[in-house]
Protein backbone atom coordinates (compact mmCIF):
# COMPACT_ATOMS: atom_id res chain seq x y z
CA MET A 1 71.31 13.22 54.42
CA SER A 2 70.37 10.17 56.21
CA GLN A 3 68.29 7.43 54.91
CA ALA A 4 65.37 8.60 57.00
CA GLU A 5 65.59 12.00 55.43
CA ASN A 6 65.72 10.49 51.96
CA SER A 7 62.61 8.40 52.60
CA ALA A 8 60.80 11.41 53.96
CA ALA A 9 61.62 13.41 50.85
CA GLY A 10 60.15 10.68 48.69
CA PRO A 11 61.62 8.41 46.10
CA GLN A 12 64.26 9.83 43.87
CA GLN A 13 63.21 10.48 40.33
CA ALA A 14 65.27 9.06 37.50
CA PRO A 15 66.12 11.24 34.51
CA PRO A 16 63.49 11.01 31.75
CA GLU A 17 64.06 8.14 29.34
CA GLY A 18 61.46 8.84 26.65
CA GLU A 19 61.83 7.56 23.10
CA LEU A 20 63.79 10.50 21.74
CA HIS A 21 65.89 11.28 24.83
CA MET A 22 68.40 8.57 24.02
CA PRO A 23 70.94 9.53 21.33
CA GLY A 24 70.74 6.13 19.55
CA ARG A 25 66.97 6.27 19.17
CA LEU A 26 67.12 9.87 17.98
CA PHE A 27 69.60 8.96 15.26
CA ALA A 28 67.59 5.88 14.18
CA THR A 29 64.35 7.89 13.96
CA ALA A 30 66.00 10.63 11.88
CA ALA A 31 67.56 8.07 9.53
CA LEU A 32 64.23 6.25 9.11
CA ALA A 33 62.38 9.50 8.49
CA PHE A 34 64.76 10.24 5.62
CA LEU A 35 65.41 6.77 4.17
CA LEU A 36 61.86 5.39 4.20
CA PRO A 37 60.40 8.03 1.80
CA VAL A 38 63.48 7.74 -0.42
CA PHE A 39 63.01 3.97 -0.60
CA VAL A 40 59.29 4.31 -1.41
CA ILE A 41 60.02 6.86 -4.17
CA TRP A 42 62.70 4.56 -5.59
CA LEU A 43 60.25 1.61 -5.66
CA LEU A 44 57.61 3.70 -7.43
CA ALA A 45 60.11 5.02 -9.97
CA SER A 46 61.42 1.54 -10.76
CA PHE A 47 57.85 0.29 -11.12
CA VAL A 48 56.87 3.05 -13.55
CA PHE A 49 60.06 3.40 -15.55
CA GLY A 50 61.88 0.13 -15.05
CA GLY A 51 59.85 -2.14 -17.38
CA LYS A 52 58.32 -3.93 -14.45
CA THR A 53 54.89 -5.54 -14.80
CA VAL A 54 51.74 -3.48 -14.55
CA ALA A 55 48.62 -4.29 -12.57
CA GLY A 56 47.33 -6.70 -15.25
CA GLY A 57 50.61 -8.63 -15.12
CA GLU A 58 51.69 -7.57 -18.61
CA SER A 59 54.96 -5.88 -19.40
CA THR A 60 55.25 -2.26 -20.50
CA SER A 61 58.00 -3.13 -23.00
CA ALA A 62 57.64 -1.98 -26.60
CA GLU A 63 56.85 -5.52 -27.81
CA ALA A 64 54.12 -6.01 -25.22
CA VAL A 65 52.55 -2.65 -26.02
CA ALA A 66 52.61 -3.46 -29.75
CA ARG A 67 50.88 -6.80 -29.06
CA ARG A 68 48.13 -5.04 -27.10
CA LEU A 69 47.61 -2.50 -29.88
CA GLN A 70 47.13 -5.08 -32.64
CA ARG A 71 43.82 -4.93 -34.48
CA VAL A 72 41.19 -7.34 -33.30
CA GLY A 73 38.86 -7.37 -36.28
CA THR A 74 38.58 -6.59 -39.92
CA ILE A 75 35.99 -4.98 -42.13
CA GLU A 76 34.84 -6.79 -45.21
CA LEU A 77 33.27 -4.73 -47.96
CA ARG A 78 30.69 -6.57 -50.03
CA GLU A 79 28.15 -5.72 -52.63
CA ALA A 80 25.16 -3.85 -51.35
CA ALA A 81 22.12 -6.03 -50.68
CA SER A 82 20.09 -4.03 -53.18
CA ALA A 83 22.41 -5.19 -55.98
CA ALA A 84 21.43 -8.81 -55.34
CA ALA A 85 18.21 -10.26 -56.66
CA PRO A 86 15.31 -9.03 -54.51
CA ARG A 87 13.78 -11.59 -52.20
CA THR A 88 10.34 -12.94 -52.89
CA GLY A 89 7.52 -12.30 -50.46
CA GLU A 90 7.68 -15.89 -49.26
CA GLU A 91 11.46 -15.71 -48.68
CA LEU A 92 11.17 -12.52 -46.66
CA TYR A 93 8.19 -13.86 -44.68
CA THR A 94 10.12 -17.04 -43.84
CA ALA A 95 13.29 -15.16 -42.90
CA VAL A 96 11.78 -12.28 -40.88
CA CYS A 97 8.03 -12.00 -40.60
CA SER A 98 7.33 -15.57 -39.48
CA ALA A 99 8.97 -14.89 -36.12
CA CYS A 100 5.85 -12.99 -34.99
CA HIS A 101 3.22 -13.64 -37.66
CA GLY A 102 3.77 -17.40 -37.49
CA SER A 103 2.78 -17.56 -33.81
CA GLY A 104 0.75 -14.38 -33.38
CA ALA A 105 3.29 -12.95 -30.94
CA ALA A 106 2.72 -9.41 -29.60
CA GLY A 107 -0.71 -9.20 -31.24
CA ALA A 108 0.52 -9.81 -34.78
CA PRO A 109 -2.14 -11.36 -37.04
CA LYS A 110 -1.26 -15.02 -37.58
CA PHE A 111 -0.26 -16.07 -41.05
CA GLY A 112 -3.29 -17.44 -42.94
CA ASP A 113 -5.85 -16.37 -40.26
CA GLN A 114 -8.51 -14.76 -42.45
CA ALA A 115 -10.51 -13.41 -39.49
CA ALA A 116 -7.47 -11.57 -38.11
CA TRP A 117 -6.40 -10.26 -41.53
CA ALA A 118 -9.87 -9.14 -42.76
CA PRO A 119 -9.98 -5.75 -40.95
CA ARG A 120 -6.42 -5.01 -42.01
CA ILE A 121 -7.07 -5.96 -45.62
CA LYS A 122 -10.06 -3.57 -45.66
CA THR A 123 -7.67 -0.67 -45.01
CA GLY A 124 -6.00 -1.46 -48.33
CA PHE A 125 -2.55 -2.38 -49.57
CA ASP A 126 -1.08 1.11 -49.10
CA ALA A 127 -2.03 1.20 -45.41
CA LEU A 128 -0.56 -2.27 -44.84
CA LEU A 129 2.63 -1.32 -46.66
CA HIS A 130 2.92 1.90 -44.66
CA SER A 131 2.60 -0.09 -41.40
CA ALA A 132 5.23 -2.59 -42.53
CA LEU A 133 7.68 0.10 -43.65
CA ASN A 134 7.30 2.39 -40.62
CA GLY A 135 6.38 -0.12 -37.92
CA LYS A 136 3.18 -0.46 -35.95
CA GLY A 137 2.62 -1.53 -32.36
CA ALA A 138 5.36 -3.94 -31.36
CA MET A 139 6.54 -4.38 -34.97
CA PRO A 140 9.67 -2.35 -35.75
CA LYS A 141 10.35 -0.62 -39.05
CA GLN A 142 10.68 -3.14 -41.87
CA GLY A 143 10.19 -5.93 -39.36
CA GLY A 144 13.54 -5.03 -37.82
CA GLY A 145 15.61 -5.68 -40.96
CA ALA A 146 17.14 -3.59 -43.70
CA TYR A 147 15.22 -4.51 -46.83
CA SER A 148 14.13 -2.59 -49.90
CA ASP A 149 10.62 -1.17 -50.05
CA TYR A 150 9.96 -3.51 -52.95
CA GLU A 151 10.88 -6.59 -50.88
CA ILE A 152 8.69 -5.41 -48.01
CA ALA A 153 5.80 -4.83 -50.44
CA ARG A 154 6.20 -8.37 -51.78
CA ALA A 155 6.10 -9.80 -48.24
CA VAL A 156 2.97 -7.74 -47.42
CA VAL A 157 1.22 -9.04 -50.54
CA TYR A 158 2.27 -12.62 -49.75
CA MET A 159 0.94 -12.49 -46.17
CA ALA A 160 -2.24 -10.57 -47.01
CA ASP A 161 -3.07 -12.89 -49.92
CA LYS A 162 -2.72 -15.91 -47.61
CA GLY A 163 -5.10 -14.09 -45.24
CA GLY A 164 -7.79 -13.67 -47.90
CA ALA A 165 -6.72 -10.60 -49.93
CA LYS A 166 -6.35 -10.50 -53.68
CA PHE A 167 -3.55 -7.94 -53.96
CA GLU A 168 -1.42 -7.78 -57.11
CA GLU A 169 2.29 -8.47 -56.90
CA PRO A 170 4.01 -5.05 -56.83
CA LYS A 171 5.94 -3.97 -59.90
CA PRO A 172 9.71 -4.03 -59.46
CA PRO A 173 11.53 -0.71 -59.47
CA ALA A 174 13.66 0.11 -62.52
CA ASP A 175 16.95 -1.00 -60.91
CA ALA A 176 15.44 -4.26 -59.55
CA ALA A 177 14.07 -5.17 -62.98
CA SER A 178 17.57 -5.34 -64.40
CA ALA A 179 18.88 -7.45 -61.51
CA PRO A 180 19.55 -11.14 -62.28
CA LYS A 181 16.92 -13.59 -61.12
């Protein structure tokens, strides 16, 4: 064929040279497809079982695990509060009740305010004690503490008497009477 015939037939096409048509590229792709997952699995296995560091940067060795499992606190057993001498009404008022009754917070009658205490005193000691023990309005049970009924009764008498009542000091229970003063 002459050159004129070749040009009329069009340009000659070269054999395809795609990515996998060359033997070297085919071998490299096959090797990578096998070795890359093996390498990733090896890295994961050495991370999990090889004593390497974990995400927090701490070791998974036996000593490091034992350090992380140490106790962080202790429990101290003491005598029950009821075994101690019961608090006076004034002590309990100062420690707990004054937080609200000292300022009149959340509608609590202010300490010593006879006008605010008068309607409550008219309901009687038992009603006031019931409110103090079980809570009323914003006031939680026992003013939010864990005190004996006797201590709460003493605080109620102390506050009510300063508000104009003439309640008697409650009698101590049998176990409180034997407690040291």
